[in-house]
Amino acid sequence: MSDTAALARVVREDIIPLLEKYSYEDYEMLERVLGTGLVDVTGQRIRQELFVAGKEDDLIKALLQPTHDLSTAVLAGEGDTDNEGDGDDEGDGIGTEATA
């Protein structure tokens, strides 16, 4: 089983049912959490067709849709390796300055 297939299984079998339960099947709330790519508010359903083999790319796009800035945030951190000006003398990249 590929990593993507395993992710799809966990999302389909574990995460979505749990979110449906906690949201009392309020599909507008689910849409705010999961995004329009995974939730069809009008049809009051989860787009199960995204979990079919061969739709992995569409599923990943749908999962990332509500967090469109996620890839930007990750890429922004890749170039910062010098730790200058972070108030941290340990070199682990975590600042220790107190803020007021």
PDB file of N, CA and C in Angstrom:
ATOM      1  N   MET A   1       0.849  -1.177   0.000  1.00  0.00           N
ATOM      2  CA  MET A   1       0.000   0.000   0.000  1.00  0.00           C
ATOM      3  C   MET A   1       0.895   1.242   0.000  1.00  0.00           C
ATOM      4  N   SER A   2       0.606   2.174  -0.889  1.00  0.00           N
ATOM      5  CA  SER A   2       1.420   3.387  -0.972  1.00  0.00           C
ATOM      6  C   SER A   2       1.083   4.332   0.182  1.00  0.00           C
ATOM      7  N   ASP A   3       1.967   5.287   0.407  1.00  0.00           N
ATOM      8  CA  ASP A   3       1.725   6.281   1.453  1.00  0.00           C
ATOM      9  C   ASP A   3       0.451   7.066   1.176  1.00  0.00           C
ATOM     10  N   THR A   4       0.218   7.404  -0.085  1.00  0.00           N
ATOM     11  CA  THR A   4      -0.982   8.160  -0.450  1.00  0.00           C
ATOM     12  C   THR A   4      -2.231   7.325  -0.218  1.00  0.00           C
ATOM     13  N   ALA A   5      -2.186   6.059  -0.555  1.00  0.00           N
ATOM     14  CA  ALA A   5      -3.330   5.170  -0.327  1.00  0.00           C
ATOM     15  C   ALA A   5      -3.600   5.027   1.169  1.00  0.00           C
ATOM     16  N   ALA A   6      -2.539   4.930   1.959  1.00  0.00           N
ATOM     17  CA  ALA A   6      -2.703   4.835   3.416  1.00  0.00           C
ATOM     18  C   ALA A   6      -3.314   6.119   3.971  1.00  0.00           C
ATOM     19  N   LEU A   7      -2.840   7.260   3.479  1.00  0.00           N
ATOM     20  CA  LEU A   7      -3.403   8.542   3.907  1.00  0.00           C
ATOM     21  C   LEU A   7      -4.881   8.624   3.549  1.00  0.00           C
ATOM     22  N   ALA A   8      -5.218   8.231   2.333  1.00  0.00           N
ATOM     23  CA  ALA A   8      -6.618   8.270   1.887  1.00  0.00           C
ATOM     24  C   ALA A   8      -7.487   7.392   2.775  1.00  0.00           C
ATOM     25  N   ARG A   9      -6.980   6.213   3.126  1.00  0.00           N
ATOM     26  CA  ARG A   9      -7.754   5.304   3.985  1.00  0.00           C
ATOM     27  C   ARG A   9      -7.995   5.924   5.358  1.00  0.00           C
ATOM     28  N   VAL A  10      -6.969   6.511   5.943  1.00  0.00           N
ATOM     29  CA  VAL A  10      -7.103   7.121   7.270  1.00  0.00           C
ATOM     30  C   VAL A  10      -8.077   8.293   7.228  1.00  0.00           C
ATOM     31  N   VAL A  11      -7.970   9.123   6.206  1.00  0.00           N
ATOM     32  CA  VAL A  11      -8.881  10.265   6.085  1.00  0.00           C
ATOM     33  C   VAL A  11     -10.314   9.770   5.922  1.00  0.00           C
ATOM     34  N   ARG A  12     -10.513   8.803   5.020  1.00  0.00           N
ATOM     35  CA  ARG A  12     -11.859   8.299   4.720  1.00  0.00           C
ATOM     36  C   ARG A  12     -12.465   7.530   5.890  1.00  0.00           C
ATOM     37  N   GLU A  13     -11.681   6.669   6.541  1.00  0.00           N
ATOM     38  CA  GLU A  13     -12.234   5.777   7.550  1.00  0.00           C
ATOM     39  C   GLU A  13     -12.161   6.306   8.977  1.00  0.00           C
ATOM     40  N   ASP A  14     -11.243   7.216   9.249  1.00  0.00           N
ATOM     41  CA  ASP A  14     -11.052   7.686  10.625  1.00  0.00           C
ATOM     42  C   ASP A  14     -11.381   9.169  10.812  1.00  0.00           C
ATOM     43  N   ILE A  15     -10.748  10.007  10.019  1.00  0.00           N
ATOM     44  CA  ILE A  15     -10.870  11.453  10.246  1.00  0.00           C
ATOM     45  C   ILE A  15     -12.239  11.985   9.860  1.00  0.00           C
ATOM     46  N   ILE A  16     -12.695  11.676   8.643  1.00  0.00           N
ATOM     47  CA  ILE A  16     -13.985  12.220   8.201  1.00  0.00           C
ATOM     48  C   ILE A  16     -15.137  11.744   9.082  1.00  0.00           C
ATOM     49  N   PRO A  17     -15.248  10.454   9.406  1.00  0.00           N
ATOM     50  CA  PRO A  17     -16.351  10.045  10.288  1.00  0.00           C
ATOM     51  C   PRO A  17     -16.311  10.744  11.656  1.00  0.00           C
ATOM     52  N   LEU A  18     -15.117  10.952  12.189  1.00  0.00           N
ATOM     53  CA  LEU A  18     -14.995  11.648  13.470  1.00  0.00           C
ATOM     54  C   LEU A  18     -15.457  13.103  13.348  1.00  0.00           C
ATOM     55  N   LEU A  19     -15.032  13.779  12.282  1.00  0.00           N
ATOM     56  CA  LEU A  19     -15.464  15.160  12.071  1.00  0.00           C
ATOM     57  C   LEU A  19     -16.968  15.247  11.824  1.00  0.00           C
ATOM     58  N   GLU A  20     -17.521  14.281  11.091  1.00  0.00           N
ATOM     59  CA  GLU A  20     -18.967  14.257  10.871  1.00  0.00           C
ATOM     60  C   GLU A  20     -19.706  14.116  12.203  1.00  0.00           C
ATOM     61  N   LYS A  21     -19.205  13.270  13.053  1.00  0.00           N
ATOM     62  CA  LYS A  21     -19.831  13.056  14.362  1.00  0.00           C
ATOM     63  C   LYS A  21     -19.787  14.324  15.208  1.00  0.00           C
ATOM     64  N   TYR A  22     -18.598  14.943  15.301  1.00  0.00           N
ATOM     65  CA  TYR A  22     -18.446  16.122  16.152  1.00  0.00           C
ATOM     66  C   TYR A  22     -19.143  17.353  15.595  1.00  0.00           C
ATOM     67  N   SER A  23     -19.375  17.384  14.293  1.00  0.00           N
ATOM     68  CA  SER A  23     -20.074  18.531  13.708  1.00  0.00           C
ATOM     69  C   SER A  23     -21.580  18.269  13.589  1.00  0.00           C
ATOM     70  N   TYR A  24     -22.022  17.118  14.085  1.00  0.00           N
ATOM     71  CA  TYR A  24     -23.429  16.719  13.986  1.00  0.00           C
ATOM     72  C   TYR A  24     -23.894  16.747  12.540  1.00  0.00           C
ATOM     73  N   GLU A  25     -22.997  16.326  11.639  1.00  0.00           N
ATOM     74  CA  GLU A  25     -23.247  16.266  10.201  1.00  0.00           C
ATOM     75  C   GLU A  25     -23.704  17.606   9.631  1.00  0.00           C
ATOM     76  N   ASP A  26     -23.175  18.693  10.181  1.00  0.00           N
ATOM     77  CA  ASP A  26     -23.393  20.040   9.655  1.00  0.00           C
ATOM     78  C   ASP A  26     -22.384  20.231   8.525  1.00  0.00           C
ATOM     79  N   TYR A  27     -22.834  20.113   7.287  1.00  0.00           N
ATOM     80  CA  TYR A  27     -21.925  20.124   6.149  1.00  0.00           C
ATOM     81  C   TYR A  27     -21.338  21.505   5.876  1.00  0.00           C
ATOM     82  N   GLU A  28     -21.981  22.541   6.324  1.00  0.00           N
ATOM     83  CA  GLU A  28     -21.374  23.874   6.200  1.00  0.00           C
ATOM     84  C   GLU A  28     -20.166  23.988   7.125  1.00  0.00           C
ATOM     85  N   MET A  29     -20.278  23.434   8.319  1.00  0.00           N
ATOM     86  CA  MET A  29     -19.139  23.420   9.242  1.00  0.00           C
ATOM     87  C   MET A  29     -18.028  22.519   8.694  1.00  0.00           C
ATOM     88  N   LEU A  30     -18.404  21.362   8.188  1.00  0.00           N
ATOM     89  CA  LEU A  30     -17.420  20.460   7.600  1.00  0.00           C
ATOM     90  C   LEU A  30     -16.690  21.127   6.434  1.00  0.00           C
ATOM     91  N   GLU A  31     -17.420  21.896   5.655  1.00  0.00           N
ATOM     92  CA  GLU A  31     -16.797  22.597   4.532  1.00  0.00           C
ATOM     93  C   GLU A  31     -15.768  23.617   5.024  1.00  0.00           C
ATOM     94  N   ARG A  32     -16.061  24.287   6.126  1.00  0.00           N
ATOM     95  CA  ARG A  32     -15.100  25.251   6.684  1.00  0.00           C
ATOM     96  C   ARG A  32     -13.831  24.548   7.161  1.00  0.00           C
ATOM     97  N   VAL A  33     -13.964  23.321   7.641  1.00  0.00           N
ATOM     98  CA  VAL A  33     -12.805  22.573   8.142  1.00  0.00           C
ATOM     99  C   VAL A  33     -12.077  21.865   6.997  1.00  0.00           C
ATOM    100  N   LEU A  34     -12.818  21.161   6.147  1.00  0.00           N
ATOM    101  CA  LEU A  34     -12.218  20.312   5.120  1.00  0.00           C
ATOM    102  C   LEU A  34     -12.099  20.984   3.757  1.00  0.00           C
ATOM    103  N   GLY A  35     -12.871  22.041   3.523  1.00  0.00           N
ATOM    104  CA  GLY A  35     -12.815  22.749   2.251  1.00  0.00           C
ATOM    105  C   GLY A  35     -13.846  22.260   1.253  1.00  0.00           C
ATOM    106  N   THR A  36     -14.027  23.072   0.222  1.00  0.00           N
ATOM    107  CA  THR A  36     -15.021  22.759  -0.807  1.00  0.00           C
ATOM    108  C   THR A  36     -14.598  21.597  -1.688  1.00  0.00           C
ATOM    109  N   GLY A  37     -13.314  21.289  -1.709  1.00  0.00           N
ATOM    110  CA  GLY A  37     -12.851  20.164  -2.515  1.00  0.00           C
ATOM    111  C   GLY A  37     -13.330  18.827  -1.996  1.00  0.00           C
ATOM    112  N   LEU A  38     -13.501  18.707  -0.692  1.00  0.00           N
ATOM    113  CA  LEU A  38     -13.938  17.438  -0.088  1.00  0.00           C
ATOM    114  C   LEU A  38     -15.411  17.412   0.285  1.00  0.00           C
ATOM    115  N   VAL A  39     -15.999  18.583   0.492  1.00  0.00           N
ATOM    116  CA  VAL A  39     -17.369  18.631   0.996  1.00  0.00           C
ATOM    117  C   VAL A  39     -18.294  19.278  -0.035  1.00  0.00           C
ATOM    118  N   ASP A  40     -19.379  18.589  -0.325  1.00  0.00           N
ATOM    119  CA  ASP A  40     -20.434  19.108  -1.195  1.00  0.00           C
ATOM    120  C   ASP A  40     -21.589  19.520  -0.287  1.00  0.00           C
ATOM    121  N   VAL A  41     -21.644  20.811   0.047  1.00  0.00           N
ATOM    122  CA  VAL A  41     -22.669  21.301   0.972  1.00  0.00           C
ATOM    123  C   VAL A  41     -24.056  21.130   0.372  1.00  0.00           C
ATOM    124  N   THR A  42     -24.206  21.454  -0.902  1.00  0.00           N
ATOM    125  CA  THR A  42     -25.516  21.348  -1.555  1.00  0.00           C
ATOM    126  C   THR A  42     -26.040  19.920  -1.513  1.00  0.00           C
ATOM    127  N   GLY A  43     -25.178  18.958  -1.792  1.00  0.00           N
ATOM    128  CA  GLY A  43     -25.568  17.551  -1.774  1.00  0.00           C
ATOM    129  C   GLY A  43     -25.498  16.926  -0.395  1.00  0.00           C
ATOM    130  N   GLN A  44     -25.033  17.709   0.624  1.00  0.00           N
ATOM    131  CA  GLN A  44     -24.909  17.228   1.995  1.00  0.00           C
ATOM    132  C   GLN A  44     -24.125  15.912   2.042  1.00  0.00           C
ATOM    133  N   ARG A  45     -22.905  15.955   1.442  1.00  0.00           N
ATOM    134  CA  ARG A  45     -22.118  14.738   1.374  1.00  0.00           C
ATOM    135  C   ARG A  45     -20.636  15.047   1.290  1.00  0.00           C
ATOM    136  N   ILE A  46     -19.830  14.035   1.571  1.00  0.00           N
ATOM    137  CA  ILE A  46     -18.394  14.054   1.358  1.00  0.00           C
ATOM    138  C   ILE A  46     -18.159  13.520  -0.048  1.00  0.00           C
ATOM    139  N   ARG A  47     -17.252  14.123  -0.773  1.00  0.00           N
ATOM    140  CA  ARG A  47     -16.975  13.707  -2.153  1.00  0.00           C
ATOM    141  C   ARG A  47     -16.160  12.397  -2.141  1.00  0.00           C
ATOM    142  N   GLN A  48     -16.881  11.292  -2.001  1.00  0.00           N
ATOM    143  CA  GLN A  48     -16.259   9.963  -1.915  1.00  0.00           C
ATOM    144  C   GLN A  48     -15.506   9.586  -3.184  1.00  0.00           C
ATOM    145  N   GLU A  49     -15.862  10.189  -4.309  1.00  0.00           N
ATOM    146  CA  GLU A  49     -15.187   9.863  -5.566  1.00  0.00           C
ATOM    147  C   GLU A  49     -13.694  10.225  -5.545  1.00  0.00           C
ATOM    148  N   LEU A  50     -13.287  11.074  -4.613  1.00  0.00           N
ATOM    149  CA  LEU A  50     -11.878  11.432  -4.489  1.00  0.00           C
ATOM    150  C   LEU A  50     -11.042  10.312  -3.870  1.00  0.00           C
ATOM    151  N   PHE A  51     -11.689   9.330  -3.274  1.00  0.00           N
ATOM    152  CA  PHE A  51     -10.986   8.239  -2.601  1.00  0.00           C
ATOM    153  C   PHE A  51     -10.810   7.010  -3.489  1.00  0.00           C
ATOM    154  N   VAL A  52     -11.210   7.118  -4.747  1.00  0.00           N
ATOM    155  CA  VAL A  52     -11.076   6.024  -5.706  1.00  0.00           C
ATOM    156  C   VAL A  52      -9.633   5.989  -6.216  1.00  0.00           C
ATOM    157  N   ALA A  53      -9.118   4.791  -6.451  1.00  0.00           N
ATOM    158  CA  ALA A  53      -7.762   4.638  -6.995  1.00  0.00           C
ATOM    159  C   ALA A  53      -7.638   5.437  -8.293  1.00  0.00           C
ATOM    160  N   GLY A  54      -6.537   6.141  -8.413  1.00  0.00           N
ATOM    161  CA  GLY A  54      -6.301   6.972  -9.588  1.00  0.00           C
ATOM    162  C   GLY A  54      -6.643   8.434  -9.372  1.00  0.00           C
ATOM    163  N   LYS A  55      -7.304   8.741  -8.265  1.00  0.00           N
ATOM    164  CA  LYS A  55      -7.688  10.122  -7.950  1.00  0.00           C
ATOM    165  C   LYS A  55      -6.820  10.715  -6.846  1.00  0.00           C
ATOM    166  N   GLU A  56      -5.671  10.106  -6.595  1.00  0.00           N
ATOM    167  CA  GLU A  56      -4.819  10.526  -5.484  1.00  0.00           C
ATOM    168  C   GLU A  56      -4.417  12.000  -5.577  1.00  0.00           C
ATOM    169  N   ASP A  57      -4.050  12.449  -6.782  1.00  0.00           N
ATOM    170  CA  ASP A  57      -3.652  13.850  -6.939  1.00  0.00           C
ATOM    171  C   ASP A  57      -4.807  14.792  -6.611  1.00  0.00           C
ATOM    172  N   ASP A  58      -6.016  14.438  -7.065  1.00  0.00           N
ATOM    173  CA  ASP A  58      -7.189  15.262  -6.772  1.00  0.00           C
ATOM    174  C   ASP A  58      -7.482  15.284  -5.269  1.00  0.00           C
ATOM    175  N   LEU A  59      -7.301  14.144  -4.609  1.00  0.00           N
ATOM    176  CA  LEU A  59      -7.523  14.073  -3.166  1.00  0.00           C
ATOM    177  C   LEU A  59      -6.531  14.962  -2.430  1.00  0.00           C
ATOM    178  N   ILE A  60      -5.259  14.885  -2.804  1.00  0.00           N
ATOM    179  CA  ILE A  60      -4.241  15.709  -2.141  1.00  0.00           C
ATOM    180  C   ILE A  60      -4.541  17.186  -2.349  1.00  0.00           C
ATOM    181  N   LYS A  61      -4.930  17.577  -3.558  1.00  0.00           N
ATOM    182  CA  LYS A  61      -5.289  18.973  -3.826  1.00  0.00           C
ATOM    183  C   LYS A  61      -6.470  19.390  -2.960  1.00  0.00           C
ATOM    184  N   ALA A  62      -7.468  18.517  -2.832  1.00  0.00           N
ATOM    185  CA  ALA A  62      -8.640  18.827  -2.017  1.00  0.00           C
ATOM    186  C   ALA A  62      -8.264  18.957  -0.542  1.00  0.00           C
ATOM    187  N   LEU A  63      -7.370  18.093  -0.067  1.00  0.00           N
ATOM    188  CA  LEU A  63      -6.939  18.164   1.329  1.00  0.00           C
ATOM    189  C   LEU A  63      -6.145  19.434   1.610  1.00  0.00           C
ATOM    190  N   LEU A  64      -5.356  19.882   0.644  1.00  0.00           N
ATOM    191  CA  LEU A  64      -4.542  21.084   0.837  1.00  0.00           C
ATOM    192  C   LEU A  64      -5.301  22.376   0.558  1.00  0.00           C
ATOM    193  N   GLN A  65      -6.438  22.297  -0.096  1.00  0.00           N
ATOM    194  CA  GLN A  65      -7.195  23.482  -0.506  1.00  0.00           C
ATOM    195  C   GLN A  65      -7.513  24.441   0.648  1.00  0.00           C
ATOM    196  N   PRO A  66      -7.966  23.976   1.805  1.00  0.00           N
ATOM    197  CA  PRO A  66      -8.251  24.930   2.881  1.00  0.00           C
ATOM    198  C   PRO A  66      -6.995  25.555   3.482  1.00  0.00           C
ATOM    199  N   THR A  67      -5.836  24.990   3.212  1.00  0.00           N
ATOM    200  CA  THR A  67      -4.576  25.502   3.764  1.00  0.00           C
ATOM    201  C   THR A  67      -3.648  25.906   2.635  1.00  0.00           C
ATOM    202  N   HIS A  68      -4.149  26.726   1.717  1.00  0.00           N
ATOM    203  CA  HIS A  68      -3.387  27.102   0.539  1.00  0.00           C
ATOM    204  C   HIS A  68      -2.047  27.738   0.880  1.00  0.00           C
ATOM    205  N   ASP A  69      -1.906  28.297   2.064  1.00  0.00           N
ATOM    206  CA  ASP A  69      -0.646  28.928   2.454  1.00  0.00           C
ATOM    207  C   ASP A  69       0.329  27.932   3.090  1.00  0.00           C
ATOM    208  N   LEU A  70      -0.066  26.678   3.263  1.00  0.00           N
ATOM    209  CA  LEU A  70       0.793  25.680   3.884  1.00  0.00           C
ATOM    210  C   LEU A  70       2.088  25.477   3.104  1.00  0.00           C
ATOM    211  N   SER A  71       2.001  25.269   1.803  1.00  0.00           N
ATOM    212  CA  SER A  71       3.220  25.041   1.024  1.00  0.00           C
ATOM    213  C   SER A  71       4.098  26.277   1.028  1.00  0.00           C
ATOM    214  N   THR A  72       3.513  27.446   1.007  1.00  0.00           N
ATOM    215  CA  THR A  72       4.291  28.682   1.050  1.00  0.00           C
ATOM    216  C   THR A  72       5.031  28.799   2.371  1.00  0.00           C
ATOM    217  N   ALA A  73       4.383  28.461   3.466  1.00  0.00           N
ATOM    218  CA  ALA A  73       5.012  28.550   4.782  1.00  0.00           C
ATOM    219  C   ALA A  73       6.172  27.571   4.899  1.00  0.00           C
ATOM    220  N   VAL A  74       6.014  26.378   4.400  1.00  0.00           N
ATOM    221  CA  VAL A  74       7.075  25.384   4.466  1.00  0.00           C
ATOM    222  C   VAL A  74       8.260  25.823   3.622  1.00  0.00           C
ATOM    223  N   LEU A  75       8.005  26.275   2.414  1.00  0.00           N
ATOM    224  CA  LEU A  75       9.086  26.710   1.528  1.00  0.00           C
ATOM    225  C   LEU A  75       9.797  27.937   2.074  1.00  0.00           C
ATOM    226  N   ALA A  76       9.087  28.814   2.748  1.00  0.00           N
ATOM    227  CA  ALA A  76       9.696  30.021   3.297  1.00  0.00           C
ATOM    228  C   ALA A  76      10.727  29.669   4.359  1.00  0.00           C
ATOM    229  N   GLY A  77      10.520  28.612   5.108  1.00  0.00           N
ATOM    230  CA  GLY A  77      11.441  28.222   6.166  1.00  0.00           C
ATOM    231  C   GLY A  77      12.680  27.508   5.670  1.00  0.00           C
ATOM    232  N   GLU A  78      12.667  27.018   4.436  1.00  0.00           N
ATOM    233  CA  GLU A  78      13.803  26.250   3.926  1.00  0.00           C
ATOM    234  C   GLU A  78      15.049  27.097   3.739  1.00  0.00           C
ATOM    235  N   GLY A  79      14.906  28.369   3.399  1.00  0.00           N
ATOM    236  CA  GLY A  79      16.063  29.198   3.119  1.00  0.00           C
ATOM    237  C   GLY A  79      16.688  29.803   4.352  1.00  0.00           C
ATOM    238  N   ASP A  80      16.047  29.726   5.501  1.00  0.00           N
ATOM    239  CA  ASP A  80      16.536  30.343   6.725  1.00  0.00           C
ATOM    240  C   ASP A  80      17.399  29.353   7.487  1.00  0.00           C
ATOM    241  N   THR A  81      18.713  29.442   7.264  1.00  0.00           N
ATOM    242  CA  THR A  81      19.606  28.499   7.932  1.00  0.00           C
ATOM    243  C   THR A  81      20.629  29.181   8.817  1.00  0.00           C
ATOM    244  N   ASP A  82      20.679  30.522   8.810  1.00  0.00           N
ATOM    245  CA  ASP A  82      21.753  31.172   9.544  1.00  0.00           C
ATOM    246  C   ASP A  82      21.397  31.530  10.977  1.00  0.00           C
ATOM    247  N   ASN A  83      20.133  31.556  11.356  1.00  0.00           N
ATOM    248  CA  ASN A  83      19.682  31.824  12.717  1.00  0.00           C
ATOM    249  C   ASN A  83      20.102  33.197  13.243  1.00  0.00           C
ATOM    250  N   GLU A  84      20.590  34.085  12.385  1.00  0.00           N
ATOM    251  CA  GLU A  84      20.996  35.411  12.850  1.00  0.00           C
ATOM    252  C   GLU A  84      19.766  36.210  13.233  1.00  0.00           C
ATOM    253  N   GLY A  85      19.893  36.932  14.336  1.00  0.00           N
ATOM    254  CA  GLY A  85      18.827  37.832  14.744  1.00  0.00           C
ATOM    255  C   GLY A  85      17.625  37.152  15.345  1.00  0.00           C
ATOM    256  N   ASP A  86      17.734  35.885  15.716  1.00  0.00           N
ATOM    257  CA  ASP A  86      16.563  35.229  16.298  1.00  0.00           C
ATOM    258  C   ASP A  86      16.599  35.248  17.817  1.00  0.00           C
ATOM    259  N   GLY A  87      17.636  35.849  18.390  1.00  0.00           N
ATOM    260  CA  GLY A  87      17.706  35.950  19.840  1.00  0.00           C
ATOM    261  C   GLY A  87      18.064  34.649  20.506  1.00  0.00           C
ATOM    262  N   ASP A  88      18.623  33.733  19.777  1.00  0.00           N
ATOM    263  CA  ASP A  88      18.906  32.405  20.291  1.00  0.00           C
ATOM    264  C   ASP A  88      20.368  32.074  20.030  1.00  0.00           C
ATOM    265  N   ASP A  89      21.118  31.834  21.069  1.00  0.00           N
ATOM    266  CA  ASP A  89      22.525  31.514  20.910  1.00  0.00           C
ATOM    267  C   ASP A  89      22.767  30.015  20.830  1.00  0.00           C
ATOM    268  N   GLU A  90      21.734  29.206  20.905  1.00  0.00           N
ATOM    269  CA  GLU A  90      21.887  27.759  20.909  1.00  0.00           C
ATOM    270  C   GLU A  90      22.029  27.181  19.500  1.00  0.00           C
ATOM    271  N   GLY A  91      21.596  27.913  18.469  1.00  0.00           N
ATOM    272  CA  GLY A  91      21.732  27.423  17.111  1.00  0.00           C
ATOM    273  C   GLY A  91      20.683  26.417  16.693  1.00  0.00           C
ATOM    274  N   ASP A  92      19.613  26.267  17.494  1.00  0.00           N
ATOM    275  CA  ASP A  92      18.575  25.311  17.118  1.00  0.00           C
ATOM    276  C   ASP A  92      17.428  25.967  16.367  1.00  0.00           C
ATOM    277  N   GLY A  93      17.545  27.276  16.104  1.00  0.00           N
ATOM    278  CA  GLY A  93      16.523  27.959  15.329  1.00  0.00           C
ATOM    279  C   GLY A  93      15.328  28.386  16.129  1.00  0.00           C
ATOM    280  N   ILE A  94      15.330  28.162  17.428  1.00  0.00           N
ATOM    281  CA  ILE A  94      14.197  28.525  18.271  1.00  0.00           C
ATOM    282  C   ILE A  94      14.604  29.713  19.112  1.00  0.00           C
ATOM    283  N   GLY A  95      13.899  30.814  18.924  1.00  0.00           N
ATOM    284  CA  GLY A  95      14.206  32.025  19.678  1.00  0.00           C
ATOM    285  C   GLY A  95      13.826  31.906  21.132  1.00  0.00           C
ATOM    286  N   THR A  96      14.611  32.554  22.005  1.00  0.00           N
ATOM    287  CA  THR A  96      14.317  32.476  23.433  1.00  0.00           C
ATOM    288  C   THR A  96      14.106  33.859  24.043  1.00  0.00           C
ATOM    289  N   GLU A  97      14.005  34.883  23.186  1.00  0.00           N
ATOM    290  CA  GLU A  97      13.806  36.232  23.719  1.00  0.00           C
ATOM    291  C   GLU A  97      12.421  36.343  24.336  1.00  0.00           C
ATOM    292  N   ALA A  98      12.349  37.041  25.439  1.00  0.00           N
ATOM    293  CA  ALA A  98      11.060  37.302  26.069  1.00  0.00           C
ATOM    294  C   ALA A  98      10.399  38.448  25.340  1.00  0.00           C
ATOM    295  N   THR A  99       9.094  38.375  25.157  1.00  0.00           N
ATOM    296  CA  THR A  99       8.372  39.461  24.532  1.00  0.00           C
ATOM    297  C   THR A  99       7.458  40.116  25.530  1.00  0.00           C
ATOM    298  N   ALA A 100       7.329  41.424  25.394  1.00  0.00           N
ATOM    299  CA  ALA A 100       6.490  42.174  26.339  1.00  0.00           C
ATOM    300  C   ALA A 100       5.082  42.257  25.865  1.00  0.00           C
TER     301      ALA A 100
END
